Amino acid sequence: MAKDTLSRSLHDVGLAAWFGGTLANAVALNPASAQADTANGTGRVVNTGWNKWTPVNATAIGAHLIGSVGELVGNRSRLVAQRGAGSTALAKAGLTAAALAVTGYSRVLGRKVAQEESVPALAGTEPAASTPGDVAKAQKQLSALQWVVPALTGALIVVSSLAGEQQRASEVKKGFLARFSR
């Protein structure tokens, strides 16, 4: 079996940044923006932070996807022959698709919030009384979604750990024997 260090690195580093960055923004940036001196300042701070994070996040997601494809190509024969490996790969693909969908929709909502650079807000995902209605609605949706992305990418980390365990020589042997002993 050939080494897939580059693919694994792109997969893991990209996923780590996607998970960690979105979690940090939910835990720190969105609430910390409330410390601005004015409601418009709150909107300006959070929009600036998210706009700076977006290209980094896109790069991280791209790296993760490229690494994922590399891992699939590198493990294609094992995925077919080892019992359980294909199911794990499908679970990873499903979680990745869900995380991409939520991330994409969150970005659409974020762009709506960022249309006015200094939109009034109490915090990053908490509208003020003076926040325009469509922006307030987007912020309320983002309030929930800011936790969904790290939950999905965190689950993806766990399933990736399972996939790594399935690559242990003892597990590969058991998986091959299970596939052929049925």
N, C-alpha and C. Protein backbone atom coordinates (compact mmCIF):
# COMPACT_ATOMS: atom_id res chain seq x y z
N MET A 1 0.85 -1.17 0.00
CA MET A 1 0.00 0.00 0.00
C MET A 1 0.90 1.24 0.00
N ALA A 2 0.65 2.16 -0.92
CA ALA A 2 1.45 3.38 -1.03
C ALA A 2 1.08 4.35 0.08
N LYS A 3 2.03 5.21 0.41
CA LYS A 3 1.76 6.24 1.41
C LYS A 3 0.95 7.36 0.77
N ASP A 4 0.00 7.88 1.53
CA ASP A 4 -0.85 8.98 1.08
C ASP A 4 -0.69 10.17 2.00
N THR A 5 0.55 10.51 2.35
CA THR A 5 0.81 11.58 3.32
C THR A 5 0.22 12.91 2.86
N LEU A 6 0.38 13.26 1.62
CA LEU A 6 -0.15 14.54 1.14
C LEU A 6 -1.68 14.56 1.23
N SER A 7 -2.32 13.50 0.75
CA SER A 7 -3.78 13.44 0.81
C SER A 7 -4.28 13.49 2.25
N ARG A 8 -3.66 12.71 3.12
CA ARG A 8 -4.08 12.69 4.52
C ARG A 8 -3.88 14.07 5.17
N SER A 9 -2.77 14.71 4.84
CA SER A 9 -2.48 16.02 5.41
C SER A 9 -3.50 17.05 4.95
N LEU A 10 -3.79 17.09 3.66
CA LEU A 10 -4.80 18.02 3.15
C LEU A 10 -6.16 17.74 3.79
N HIS A 11 -6.52 16.48 3.86
CA HIS A 11 -7.78 16.07 4.48
C HIS A 11 -7.85 16.56 5.93
N ASP A 12 -6.82 16.23 6.70
CA ASP A 12 -6.86 16.50 8.14
C ASP A 12 -6.69 17.98 8.48
N VAL A 13 -5.73 18.64 7.84
CA VAL A 13 -5.51 20.06 8.14
C VAL A 13 -6.71 20.89 7.67
N GLY A 14 -7.22 20.58 6.49
CA GLY A 14 -8.40 21.30 6.00
C GLY A 14 -9.59 21.12 6.92
N LEU A 15 -9.84 19.89 7.36
CA LEU A 15 -10.96 19.61 8.26
C LEU A 15 -10.75 20.27 9.62
N ALA A 16 -9.52 20.25 10.11
CA ALA A 16 -9.24 20.88 11.40
C ALA A 16 -9.52 22.38 11.35
N ALA A 17 -9.11 23.04 10.28
CA ALA A 17 -9.35 24.48 10.15
C ALA A 17 -10.83 24.77 9.99
N TRP A 18 -11.54 23.97 9.21
CA TRP A 18 -12.98 24.14 9.00
C TRP A 18 -13.70 24.02 10.33
N PHE A 19 -13.41 22.96 11.06
CA PHE A 19 -14.02 22.74 12.38
C PHE A 19 -13.63 23.83 13.37
N GLY A 20 -12.34 24.02 13.54
CA GLY A 20 -11.85 24.93 14.57
C GLY A 20 -12.22 26.38 14.31
N GLY A 21 -12.14 26.80 13.07
CA GLY A 21 -12.47 28.18 12.75
C GLY A 21 -13.94 28.50 12.97
N THR A 22 -14.81 27.60 12.55
CA THR A 22 -16.23 27.87 12.73
C THR A 22 -16.61 27.78 14.21
N LEU A 23 -15.98 26.87 14.94
CA LEU A 23 -16.25 26.79 16.37
C LEU A 23 -15.76 28.05 17.08
N ALA A 24 -14.57 28.51 16.73
CA ALA A 24 -14.04 29.73 17.35
C ALA A 24 -14.92 30.94 17.06
N ASN A 25 -15.41 31.02 15.84
CA ASN A 25 -16.29 32.14 15.50
C ASN A 25 -17.58 32.08 16.30
N ALA A 26 -18.15 30.88 16.48
CA ALA A 26 -19.38 30.75 17.25
C ALA A 26 -19.15 31.04 18.74
N VAL A 27 -18.03 30.56 19.25
CA VAL A 27 -17.74 30.71 20.68
C VAL A 27 -17.22 32.11 21.00
N ALA A 28 -16.41 32.69 20.11
CA ALA A 28 -15.72 33.93 20.45
C ALA A 28 -16.14 35.13 19.62
N LEU A 29 -16.00 35.07 18.31
CA LEU A 29 -16.23 36.27 17.49
C LEU A 29 -17.66 36.78 17.61
N ASN A 30 -18.63 35.91 17.40
CA ASN A 30 -20.02 36.38 17.43
C ASN A 30 -20.38 37.01 18.78
N PRO A 31 -20.10 36.36 19.91
CA PRO A 31 -20.42 37.01 21.20
C PRO A 31 -19.53 38.22 21.50
N ALA A 32 -18.25 38.15 21.13
CA ALA A 32 -17.33 39.24 21.45
C ALA A 32 -17.68 40.52 20.70
N SER A 33 -18.31 40.39 19.56
CA SER A 33 -18.68 41.59 18.80
C SER A 33 -19.64 42.47 19.58
N ALA A 34 -20.34 41.91 20.55
CA ALA A 34 -21.26 42.69 21.39
C ALA A 34 -20.52 43.71 22.24
N GLN A 35 -19.20 43.58 22.36
CA GLN A 35 -18.42 44.52 23.17
C GLN A 35 -18.12 45.83 22.45
N ALA A 36 -18.53 45.94 21.18
CA ALA A 36 -18.33 47.20 20.45
C ALA A 36 -19.13 48.30 21.14
N ASP A 37 -18.73 49.53 20.91
CA ASP A 37 -19.35 50.67 21.59
C ASP A 37 -20.79 50.95 21.15
N THR A 38 -21.14 50.58 19.91
CA THR A 38 -22.48 50.86 19.40
C THR A 38 -23.03 49.63 18.69
N ALA A 39 -24.33 49.61 18.45
CA ALA A 39 -24.95 48.51 17.72
C ALA A 39 -24.40 48.43 16.30
N ASN A 40 -24.16 49.58 15.67
CA ASN A 40 -23.57 49.57 14.33
C ASN A 40 -22.13 49.07 14.39
N GLY A 41 -21.42 49.40 15.45
CA GLY A 41 -20.06 48.90 15.63
C GLY A 41 -20.04 47.39 15.78
N THR A 42 -21.02 46.85 16.46
CA THR A 42 -21.14 45.40 16.61
C THR A 42 -21.24 44.74 15.24
N GLY A 43 -22.13 45.27 14.40
CA GLY A 43 -22.28 44.73 13.05
C GLY A 43 -21.02 44.85 12.23
N ARG A 44 -20.32 45.97 12.36
CA ARG A 44 -19.09 46.20 11.61
C ARG A 44 -18.01 45.20 12.05
N VAL A 45 -17.87 45.00 13.35
CA VAL A 45 -16.86 44.08 13.87
C VAL A 45 -17.11 42.65 13.40
N VAL A 46 -18.33 42.17 13.56
CA VAL A 46 -18.61 40.79 13.20
C VAL A 46 -18.53 40.58 11.69
N ASN A 47 -19.00 41.55 10.91
CA ASN A 47 -18.91 41.41 9.45
C ASN A 47 -17.46 41.40 8.99
N THR A 48 -16.64 42.24 9.59
CA THR A 48 -15.21 42.26 9.24
C THR A 48 -14.57 40.92 9.57
N GLY A 49 -14.85 40.39 10.75
CA GLY A 49 -14.28 39.10 11.15
C GLY A 49 -14.70 37.97 10.22
N TRP A 50 -15.98 37.88 9.95
CA TRP A 50 -16.46 36.80 9.08
C TRP A 50 -15.94 36.96 7.65
N ASN A 51 -15.88 38.19 7.16
CA ASN A 51 -15.36 38.40 5.81
C ASN A 51 -13.88 38.05 5.70
N LYS A 52 -13.12 38.23 6.78
CA LYS A 52 -11.71 37.82 6.77
C LYS A 52 -11.59 36.30 6.86
N TRP A 53 -12.49 35.64 7.56
CA TRP A 53 -12.43 34.20 7.73
C TRP A 53 -12.88 33.45 6.47
N THR A 54 -13.81 34.00 5.71
CA THR A 54 -14.40 33.29 4.58
C THR A 54 -13.38 32.74 3.58
N PRO A 55 -12.39 33.51 3.11
CA PRO A 55 -11.44 32.92 2.16
C PRO A 55 -10.56 31.84 2.80
N VAL A 56 -10.25 31.99 4.06
CA VAL A 56 -9.46 30.96 4.76
C VAL A 56 -10.30 29.68 4.86
N ASN A 57 -11.56 29.84 5.24
CA ASN A 57 -12.46 28.70 5.36
C ASN A 57 -12.63 28.00 4.01
N ALA A 58 -12.81 28.78 2.94
CA ALA A 58 -12.96 28.18 1.61
C ALA A 58 -11.71 27.39 1.22
N THR A 59 -10.55 27.93 1.53
CA THR A 59 -9.29 27.23 1.25
C THR A 59 -9.20 25.94 2.06
N ALA A 60 -9.58 26.02 3.33
CA ALA A 60 -9.56 24.83 4.20
C ALA A 60 -10.50 23.75 3.66
N ILE A 61 -11.69 24.16 3.28
CA ILE A 61 -12.66 23.20 2.74
C ILE A 61 -12.13 22.60 1.45
N GLY A 62 -11.56 23.42 0.59
CA GLY A 62 -10.98 22.90 -0.66
C GLY A 62 -9.87 21.91 -0.39
N ALA A 63 -8.99 22.23 0.54
CA ALA A 63 -7.91 21.30 0.90
C ALA A 63 -8.48 19.99 1.42
N HIS A 64 -9.48 20.09 2.27
CA HIS A 64 -10.11 18.88 2.81
C HIS A 64 -10.71 18.02 1.69
N LEU A 65 -11.41 18.66 0.76
CA LEU A 65 -12.03 17.90 -0.32
C LEU A 65 -10.99 17.25 -1.24
N ILE A 66 -9.94 17.99 -1.56
CA ILE A 66 -8.87 17.41 -2.39
C ILE A 66 -8.23 16.23 -1.66
N GLY A 67 -7.96 16.40 -0.37
CA GLY A 67 -7.41 15.30 0.42
C GLY A 67 -8.34 14.11 0.50
N SER A 68 -9.62 14.38 0.62
CA SER A 68 -10.62 13.30 0.69
C SER A 68 -10.63 12.48 -0.60
N VAL A 69 -10.61 13.16 -1.73
CA VAL A 69 -10.58 12.45 -3.01
C VAL A 69 -9.29 11.63 -3.12
N GLY A 70 -8.17 12.22 -2.71
CA GLY A 70 -6.90 11.49 -2.73
C GLY A 70 -6.95 10.23 -1.87
N GLU A 71 -7.57 10.35 -0.69
CA GLU A 71 -7.70 9.18 0.18
C GLU A 71 -8.59 8.12 -0.45
N LEU A 72 -9.70 8.54 -1.06
CA LEU A 72 -10.58 7.57 -1.72
C LEU A 72 -9.85 6.83 -2.84
N VAL A 73 -9.11 7.57 -3.65
CA VAL A 73 -8.37 6.94 -4.75
C VAL A 73 -7.31 5.99 -4.18
N GLY A 74 -6.61 6.43 -3.16
CA GLY A 74 -5.56 5.62 -2.58
C GLY A 74 -6.06 4.36 -1.88
N ASN A 75 -7.30 4.40 -1.44
CA ASN A 75 -7.86 3.26 -0.68
C ASN A 75 -8.96 2.52 -1.44
N ARG A 76 -9.11 2.78 -2.72
CA ARG A 76 -10.26 2.23 -3.46
C ARG A 76 -10.36 0.72 -3.39
N SER A 77 -9.26 0.00 -3.51
CA SER A 77 -9.36 -1.46 -3.46
C SER A 77 -9.74 -1.94 -2.06
N ARG A 78 -9.21 -1.29 -1.04
CA ARG A 78 -9.55 -1.68 0.33
C ARG A 78 -11.01 -1.35 0.64
N LEU A 79 -11.52 -0.25 0.11
CA LEU A 79 -12.91 0.15 0.36
C LEU A 79 -13.89 -0.88 -0.20
N VAL A 80 -13.52 -1.51 -1.29
CA VAL A 80 -14.36 -2.53 -1.90
C VAL A 80 -14.22 -3.86 -1.18
N ALA A 81 -13.00 -4.23 -0.83
CA ALA A 81 -12.72 -5.56 -0.31
C ALA A 81 -12.88 -5.70 1.20
N GLN A 82 -12.66 -4.63 1.95
CA GLN A 82 -12.69 -4.74 3.42
C GLN A 82 -14.10 -4.43 3.93
N ARG A 83 -14.68 -5.39 4.60
CA ARG A 83 -16.02 -5.21 5.15
C ARG A 83 -16.03 -4.04 6.13
N GLY A 84 -16.98 -3.12 5.95
CA GLY A 84 -17.14 -1.98 6.82
C GLY A 84 -16.46 -0.71 6.32
N ALA A 85 -15.42 -0.86 5.51
CA ALA A 85 -14.67 0.32 5.04
C ALA A 85 -15.52 1.16 4.09
N GLY A 86 -16.26 0.52 3.23
CA GLY A 86 -17.13 1.25 2.29
C GLY A 86 -18.22 2.01 3.01
N SER A 87 -18.80 1.40 4.04
CA SER A 87 -19.85 2.07 4.82
C SER A 87 -19.30 3.30 5.53
N THR A 88 -18.10 3.18 6.04
CA THR A 88 -17.46 4.32 6.70
C THR A 88 -17.23 5.44 5.70
N ALA A 89 -16.77 5.09 4.51
CA ALA A 89 -16.54 6.10 3.47
C ALA A 89 -17.85 6.78 3.08
N LEU A 90 -18.93 6.03 3.01
CA LEU A 90 -20.24 6.62 2.69
C LEU A 90 -20.71 7.55 3.81
N ALA A 91 -20.47 7.15 5.05
CA ALA A 91 -20.83 8.02 6.18
C ALA A 91 -20.04 9.33 6.12
N LYS A 92 -18.74 9.22 5.81
CA LYS A 92 -17.92 10.42 5.68
C LYS A 92 -18.43 11.31 4.55
N ALA A 93 -18.80 10.70 3.45
CA ALA A 93 -19.30 11.48 2.30
C ALA A 93 -20.61 12.18 2.66
N GLY A 94 -21.48 11.48 3.38
CA GLY A 94 -22.75 12.09 3.79
C GLY A 94 -22.55 13.26 4.74
N LEU A 95 -21.68 13.07 5.72
CA LEU A 95 -21.40 14.16 6.67
C LEU A 95 -20.74 15.34 5.96
N THR A 96 -19.85 15.04 5.02
CA THR A 96 -19.19 16.11 4.27
C THR A 96 -20.22 16.89 3.46
N ALA A 97 -21.12 16.19 2.79
CA ALA A 97 -22.15 16.86 1.99
C ALA A 97 -23.04 17.73 2.88
N ALA A 98 -23.42 17.21 4.03
CA ALA A 98 -24.26 17.99 4.95
C ALA A 98 -23.51 19.23 5.46
N ALA A 99 -22.24 19.06 5.83
CA ALA A 99 -21.45 20.19 6.31
C ALA A 99 -21.26 21.23 5.22
N LEU A 100 -21.05 20.79 3.99
CA LEU A 100 -20.92 21.72 2.87
C LEU A 100 -22.22 22.49 2.65
N ALA A 101 -23.34 21.79 2.70
CA ALA A 101 -24.63 22.44 2.49
C ALA A 101 -24.91 23.49 3.57
N VAL A 102 -24.67 23.14 4.82
CA VAL A 102 -24.92 24.09 5.91
C VAL A 102 -23.93 25.25 5.85
N THR A 103 -22.68 24.96 5.52
CA THR A 103 -21.69 26.02 5.38
C THR A 103 -22.08 26.97 4.25
N GLY A 104 -22.49 26.42 3.12
CA GLY A 104 -22.90 27.25 1.99
C GLY A 104 -24.11 28.10 2.32
N TYR A 105 -25.11 27.50 2.95
CA TYR A 105 -26.31 28.26 3.32
C TYR A 105 -25.97 29.33 4.36
N SER A 106 -25.10 29.00 5.28
CA SER A 106 -24.67 29.99 6.27
C SER A 106 -23.98 31.17 5.60
N ARG A 107 -23.20 30.89 4.57
CA ARG A 107 -22.53 31.98 3.86
C ARG A 107 -23.54 32.87 3.14
N VAL A 108 -24.58 32.27 2.55
CA VAL A 108 -25.64 33.05 1.91
C VAL A 108 -26.29 33.97 2.94
N LEU A 109 -26.60 33.42 4.12
CA LEU A 109 -27.19 34.24 5.18
C LEU A 109 -26.21 35.31 5.65
N GLY A 110 -24.94 34.95 5.78
CA GLY A 110 -23.92 35.90 6.21
C GLY A 110 -23.77 37.06 5.24
N ARG A 111 -23.89 36.77 3.96
CA ARG A 111 -23.81 37.84 2.97
C ARG A 111 -25.00 38.79 3.10
N LYS A 112 -26.15 38.23 3.44
CA LYS A 112 -27.33 39.07 3.66
C LYS A 112 -27.08 40.00 4.86
N VAL A 113 -26.48 39.47 5.91
CA VAL A 113 -26.17 40.28 7.10
C VAL A 113 -25.12 41.33 6.77
N ALA A 114 -24.16 40.98 5.93
CA ALA A 114 -23.04 41.88 5.63
C ALA A 114 -23.34 42.89 4.53
N GLN A 115 -24.56 42.88 3.97
CA GLN A 115 -24.88 43.83 2.91
C GLN A 115 -24.63 45.27 3.37
N GLU A 116 -25.00 45.54 4.60
CA GLU A 116 -24.66 46.83 5.20
C GLU A 116 -23.48 46.54 6.12
N GLU A 117 -22.37 47.20 5.87
CA GLU A 117 -21.17 46.89 6.66
C GLU A 117 -21.41 47.10 8.15
N SER A 118 -22.18 48.13 8.51
CA SER A 118 -22.38 48.47 9.91
C SER A 118 -23.82 48.22 10.34
N VAL A 119 -24.36 47.06 9.99
CA VAL A 119 -25.73 46.74 10.37
C VAL A 119 -25.85 46.71 11.89
N PRO A 120 -26.89 47.32 12.45
CA PRO A 120 -27.03 47.31 13.90
C PRO A 120 -27.31 45.89 14.42
N ALA A 121 -26.64 45.52 15.50
CA ALA A 121 -26.81 44.21 16.10
C ALA A 121 -26.39 44.25 17.56
N LEU A 122 -26.95 43.35 18.35
CA LEU A 122 -26.54 43.22 19.75
C LEU A 122 -25.30 42.35 19.86
N ALA A 123 -25.21 41.36 18.96
CA ALA A 123 -24.05 40.47 18.85
C ALA A 123 -24.07 39.92 17.43
N GLY A 124 -23.08 39.13 17.08
CA GLY A 124 -22.97 38.64 15.72
C GLY A 124 -24.20 37.94 15.18
N THR A 125 -24.88 37.20 16.02
CA THR A 125 -26.07 36.48 15.57
C THR A 125 -27.30 36.90 16.36
N GLU A 126 -27.25 38.08 16.93
CA GLU A 126 -28.37 38.58 17.73
C GLU A 126 -28.76 39.98 17.24
N PRO A 127 -29.92 40.07 16.56
CA PRO A 127 -30.32 41.37 16.02
C PRO A 127 -30.71 42.36 17.12
N ALA A 128 -30.55 43.65 16.80
CA ALA A 128 -31.04 44.72 17.67
C ALA A 128 -32.46 45.08 17.22
N ALA A 129 -33.14 45.87 18.00
CA ALA A 129 -34.48 46.30 17.62
C ALA A 129 -34.46 47.06 16.30
N SER A 130 -33.36 47.76 16.01
CA SER A 130 -33.25 48.56 14.79
C SER A 130 -32.67 47.79 13.60
N THR A 131 -32.40 46.49 13.76
CA THR A 131 -31.87 45.68 12.66
C THR A 131 -32.98 45.50 11.62
N PRO A 132 -32.67 45.74 10.33
CA PRO A 132 -33.68 45.51 9.30
C PRO A 132 -34.23 44.08 9.36
N GLY A 133 -35.51 43.91 9.06
CA GLY A 133 -36.19 42.63 9.22
C GLY A 133 -35.54 41.45 8.53
N ASP A 134 -35.11 41.62 7.26
CA ASP A 134 -34.50 40.50 6.55
C ASP A 134 -33.15 40.12 7.14
N VAL A 135 -32.43 41.12 7.63
CA VAL A 135 -31.13 40.86 8.27
C VAL A 135 -31.36 40.18 9.62
N ALA A 136 -32.35 40.64 10.38
CA ALA A 136 -32.66 40.03 11.68
C ALA A 136 -33.04 38.56 11.51
N LYS A 137 -33.82 38.27 10.47
CA LYS A 137 -34.21 36.87 10.21
C LYS A 137 -32.97 36.02 9.90
N ALA A 138 -32.07 36.58 9.08
CA ALA A 138 -30.84 35.84 8.74
C ALA A 138 -30.00 35.62 9.99
N GLN A 139 -29.89 36.63 10.86
CA GLN A 139 -29.11 36.48 12.09
C GLN A 139 -29.70 35.40 12.99
N LYS A 140 -31.01 35.34 13.08
CA LYS A 140 -31.64 34.31 13.92
C LYS A 140 -31.35 32.92 13.37
N GLN A 141 -31.37 32.77 12.05
CA GLN A 141 -31.03 31.47 11.46
C GLN A 141 -29.56 31.14 11.71
N LEU A 142 -28.70 32.15 11.56
CA LEU A 142 -27.28 31.93 11.81
C LEU A 142 -27.00 31.58 13.26
N SER A 143 -27.83 32.06 14.17
CA SER A 143 -27.66 31.76 15.59
C SER A 143 -27.67 30.25 15.83
N ALA A 144 -28.53 29.54 15.10
CA ALA A 144 -28.57 28.07 15.22
C ALA A 144 -27.50 27.41 14.36
N LEU A 145 -27.36 27.88 13.13
CA LEU A 145 -26.44 27.23 12.19
C LEU A 145 -24.98 27.35 12.61
N GLN A 146 -24.62 28.39 13.38
CA GLN A 146 -23.23 28.54 13.81
C GLN A 146 -22.76 27.33 14.62
N TRP A 147 -23.69 26.59 15.19
CA TRP A 147 -23.35 25.39 15.96
C TRP A 147 -23.46 24.12 15.14
N VAL A 148 -24.22 24.16 14.05
CA VAL A 148 -24.42 22.97 13.22
C VAL A 148 -23.15 22.62 12.45
N VAL A 149 -22.47 23.63 11.91
CA VAL A 149 -21.25 23.34 11.15
C VAL A 149 -20.18 22.67 12.02
N PRO A 150 -19.86 23.22 13.21
CA PRO A 150 -18.87 22.51 14.02
C PRO A 150 -19.37 21.13 14.49
N ALA A 151 -20.67 20.97 14.68
CA ALA A 151 -21.18 19.65 15.06
C ALA A 151 -20.97 18.65 13.92
N LEU A 152 -21.28 19.06 12.70
CA LEU A 152 -21.10 18.15 11.56
C LEU A 152 -19.63 17.88 11.28
N THR A 153 -18.80 18.91 11.31
CA THR A 153 -17.38 18.69 11.04
C THR A 153 -16.73 17.93 12.21
N GLY A 154 -17.21 18.13 13.42
CA GLY A 154 -16.72 17.34 14.56
C GLY A 154 -17.09 15.88 14.39
N ALA A 155 -18.31 15.61 13.94
CA ALA A 155 -18.71 14.22 13.68
C ALA A 155 -17.85 13.63 12.56
N LEU A 156 -17.51 14.46 11.59
CA LEU A 156 -16.64 14.00 10.50
C LEU A 156 -15.25 13.64 11.01
N ILE A 157 -14.76 14.37 11.99
CA ILE A 157 -13.48 14.03 12.62
C ILE A 157 -13.56 12.67 13.29
N VAL A 158 -14.67 12.42 13.98
CA VAL A 158 -14.85 11.14 14.67
C VAL A 158 -14.91 9.99 13.66
N VAL A 159 -15.68 10.15 12.60
CA VAL A 159 -15.78 9.09 11.59
C VAL A 159 -14.45 8.91 10.87
N SER A 160 -13.71 9.99 10.68
CA SER A 160 -12.37 9.88 10.08
C SER A 160 -11.44 9.09 10.99
N SER A 161 -11.61 9.25 12.29
CA SER A 161 -10.81 8.46 13.24
C SER A 161 -11.14 6.98 13.10
N LEU A 162 -12.43 6.67 12.95
CA LEU A 162 -12.84 5.28 12.73
C LEU A 162 -12.20 4.75 11.44
N ALA A 163 -12.22 5.56 10.39
CA ALA A 163 -11.62 5.14 9.12
C ALA A 163 -10.13 4.86 9.31
N GLY A 164 -9.46 5.67 10.09
CA GLY A 164 -8.04 5.44 10.38
C GLY A 164 -7.83 4.14 11.13
N GLU A 165 -8.71 3.86 12.08
CA GLU A 165 -8.62 2.60 12.83
C GLU A 165 -8.83 1.40 11.90
N GLN A 166 -9.71 1.56 10.92
CA GLN A 166 -9.97 0.47 9.99
C GLN A 166 -8.77 0.17 9.10
N GLN A 167 -7.79 1.06 9.07
CA GLN A 167 -6.61 0.84 8.24
C GLN A 167 -5.49 0.11 8.99
N ARG A 168 -5.70 -0.15 10.27
CA ARG A 168 -4.71 -0.95 11.01
C ARG A 168 -4.63 -2.33 10.35
N ALA A 169 -3.46 -2.86 10.30
CA ALA A 169 -3.26 -4.17 9.63
C ALA A 169 -4.21 -5.23 10.19
N SER A 170 -4.38 -5.26 11.50
CA SER A 170 -5.26 -6.27 12.10
C SER A 170 -6.71 -6.08 11.66
N GLU A 171 -7.13 -4.83 11.52
CA GLU A 171 -8.51 -4.55 11.09
C GLU A 171 -8.70 -4.85 9.61
N VAL A 172 -7.70 -4.55 8.80
CA VAL A 172 -7.78 -4.85 7.38
C VAL A 172 -7.93 -6.36 7.20
N LYS A 173 -7.12 -7.12 7.92
CA LYS A 173 -7.17 -8.58 7.82
C LYS A 173 -8.54 -9.10 8.23
N LYS A 174 -9.06 -8.60 9.37
CA LYS A 174 -10.40 -9.02 9.82
C LYS A 174 -11.46 -8.65 8.79
N GLY A 175 -11.36 -7.44 8.23
CA GLY A 175 -12.33 -6.98 7.25
C GLY A 175 -12.33 -7.79 5.97
N PHE A 176 -11.12 -8.15 5.51
CA PHE A 176 -11.02 -8.98 4.31
C PHE A 176 -11.60 -10.37 4.58
N LEU A 177 -11.24 -10.95 5.73
CA LEU A 177 -11.74 -12.29 6.07
C LEU A 177 -13.25 -12.27 6.24
N ALA A 178 -13.79 -11.23 6.87
CA ALA A 178 -15.24 -11.13 7.05
C ALA A 178 -15.95 -11.02 5.71
N ARG A 179 -15.37 -10.29 4.78
CA ARG A 179 -15.97 -10.12 3.46
C ARG A 179 -16.03 -11.44 2.72
N PHE A 180 -14.98 -12.24 2.83
CA PHE A 180 -14.91 -13.46 2.05
C PHE A 180 -15.44 -14.69 2.78
N SER A 181 -15.73 -14.58 4.06
CA SER A 181 -16.21 -15.76 4.80
C SER A 181 -17.73 -15.79 4.89
N ARG A 182 -18.40 -14.84 4.29
CA ARG A 182 -19.86 -14.81 4.35
C ARG A 182 -20.48 -15.84 3.50
